[in-house]
Amino acid sequence: MRDHSMAAGRSGVAAVEREGRVYLFGGEQFEPRGTFDEAERYNLATDSWEMLPPMPTARHGLGAAVIDGAIHVITGGPQRGLSYSVVNEVLSAGGD
């Protein structure tokens, strides 16, 4: 567990709450990298962050929603700046 989010300083990060935990996905940063495939979870009860397995597709400007208990991460840009995709992935939250 960590005490801070790896997404700090990024833009275009998707966030969604599920069962008392906040999930963050992707994002972009112009320097030094581009788009991110990272996924992480914040546990409200323990006030700590945890890395999850990476998303299959690095993206920024994406959306996230919980549908029937599963987290859906949709669209977003694979390259930094103005880009888009039609990728829709259902991600396992892992460890719940």
Protein backbone atom coordinates (compact mmCIF):
# COMPACT_ATOMS: atom_id res chain seq x y z
CA MET A 1 0.00 0.00 0.00
CA ARG A 2 1.11 3.56 -0.71
CA ASP A 3 0.13 6.85 0.88
CA HIS A 4 -0.24 8.82 -2.40
CA SER A 5 -1.60 8.38 -5.92
CA MET A 6 0.72 7.75 -8.86
CA ALA A 7 -1.71 9.85 -10.97
CA ALA A 8 -0.69 13.12 -9.27
CA GLY A 9 0.31 15.67 -11.91
CA ARG A 10 -1.52 13.91 -14.74
CA SER A 11 -4.49 15.13 -16.73
CA GLY A 12 -7.26 13.12 -18.37
CA VAL A 13 -7.46 10.48 -15.62
CA ALA A 14 -10.70 8.47 -15.27
CA ALA A 15 -12.10 7.93 -11.77
CA VAL A 16 -14.94 5.83 -10.43
CA GLU A 17 -16.06 4.71 -6.96
CA ARG A 18 -17.01 1.12 -6.23
CA GLU A 19 -17.72 -0.41 -2.81
CA GLY A 20 -15.87 2.21 -0.76
CA ARG A 21 -12.85 2.36 -3.04
CA VAL A 22 -11.90 4.94 -5.67
CA TYR A 23 -10.32 3.62 -8.88
CA LEU A 24 -8.11 5.75 -11.15
CA PHE A 25 -7.19 4.82 -14.72
CA GLY A 26 -4.76 6.16 -17.31
CA GLY A 27 -4.09 9.82 -17.93
CA GLU A 28 -1.42 11.76 -19.74
CA GLN A 29 1.59 13.85 -18.95
CA PHE A 30 3.44 15.90 -21.53
CA GLU A 31 6.84 15.58 -19.90
CA PRO A 32 8.50 13.13 -19.62
CA ARG A 33 6.09 10.43 -20.89
CA GLY A 34 2.87 10.33 -22.88
CA THR A 35 -0.21 8.30 -21.99
CA PHE A 36 -0.40 5.84 -19.10
CA ASP A 37 -1.80 2.33 -18.74
CA GLU A 38 -1.71 2.38 -14.95
CA ALA A 39 -4.68 1.52 -12.76
CA GLU A 40 -4.79 2.09 -9.03
CA ARG A 41 -7.21 1.95 -6.15
CA TYR A 42 -7.69 4.15 -3.09
CA ASN A 43 -9.16 2.48 -0.01
CA LEU A 44 -11.22 4.99 1.97
CA ALA A 45 -11.17 2.85 5.13
CA THR A 46 -7.38 2.51 5.30
CA ASP A 47 -6.47 5.85 3.61
CA SER A 48 -4.01 4.07 1.30
CA TRP A 49 -3.31 3.54 -2.43
CA GLU A 50 -2.62 0.28 -4.22
CA MET A 51 -1.42 -0.42 -7.77
CA LEU A 52 -3.59 -2.74 -9.86
CA PRO A 53 -2.60 -4.62 -13.01
CA PRO A 54 -2.16 -2.18 -15.92
CA MET A 55 -4.87 -1.59 -18.50
CA PRO A 56 -4.33 -3.35 -21.85
CA THR A 57 -4.44 0.07 -23.60
CA ALA A 58 -2.72 3.25 -22.36
CA ARG A 59 -5.14 6.21 -22.69
CA HIS A 60 -6.07 9.67 -21.43
CA GLY A 61 -9.41 11.48 -21.51
CA LEU A 62 -11.19 8.19 -20.96
CA GLY A 63 -14.32 7.50 -18.96
CA ALA A 64 -15.12 4.90 -16.32
CA ALA A 65 -18.42 3.54 -15.02
CA VAL A 66 -19.58 0.70 -12.81
CA ILE A 67 -22.20 -1.47 -14.52
CA ASP A 68 -23.52 -4.57 -12.74
CA GLY A 69 -20.50 -4.46 -10.41
CA ALA A 70 -17.90 -4.47 -13.23
CA ILE A 71 -15.75 -1.44 -14.04
CA HIS A 72 -15.98 -0.37 -17.68
CA VAL A 73 -13.27 1.93 -19.02
CA ILE A 74 -14.25 3.50 -22.33
CA THR A 75 -12.74 5.48 -25.20
CA GLY A 76 -9.87 7.90 -24.54
CA GLY A 77 -6.83 8.94 -26.53
CA PRO A 78 -3.87 6.59 -27.01
CA GLN A 79 -1.44 9.43 -27.81
CA ARG A 80 -0.95 12.58 -25.76
CA GLY A 81 -2.73 15.67 -27.02
CA LEU A 82 -5.69 15.38 -29.35
CA SER A 83 -6.30 11.71 -30.12
CA TYR A 84 -9.14 9.25 -29.63
CA SER A 85 -9.97 5.58 -29.70
CA VAL A 86 -13.07 3.42 -29.61
CA VAL A 87 -11.56 1.00 -27.08
CA ASN A 88 -13.97 -0.27 -24.44
CA GLU A 89 -12.53 -2.56 -21.77
CA VAL A 90 -14.10 -4.26 -18.79
CA LEU A 91 -11.48 -4.35 -16.09
CA SER A 92 -11.19 -6.66 -13.15
CA ALA A 93 -10.84 -4.68 -9.94
CA GLY A 94 -8.63 -7.41 -8.49
CA GLY A 95 -8.26 -8.22 -4.82
CA ASP A 96 -11.88 -7.51 -3.81
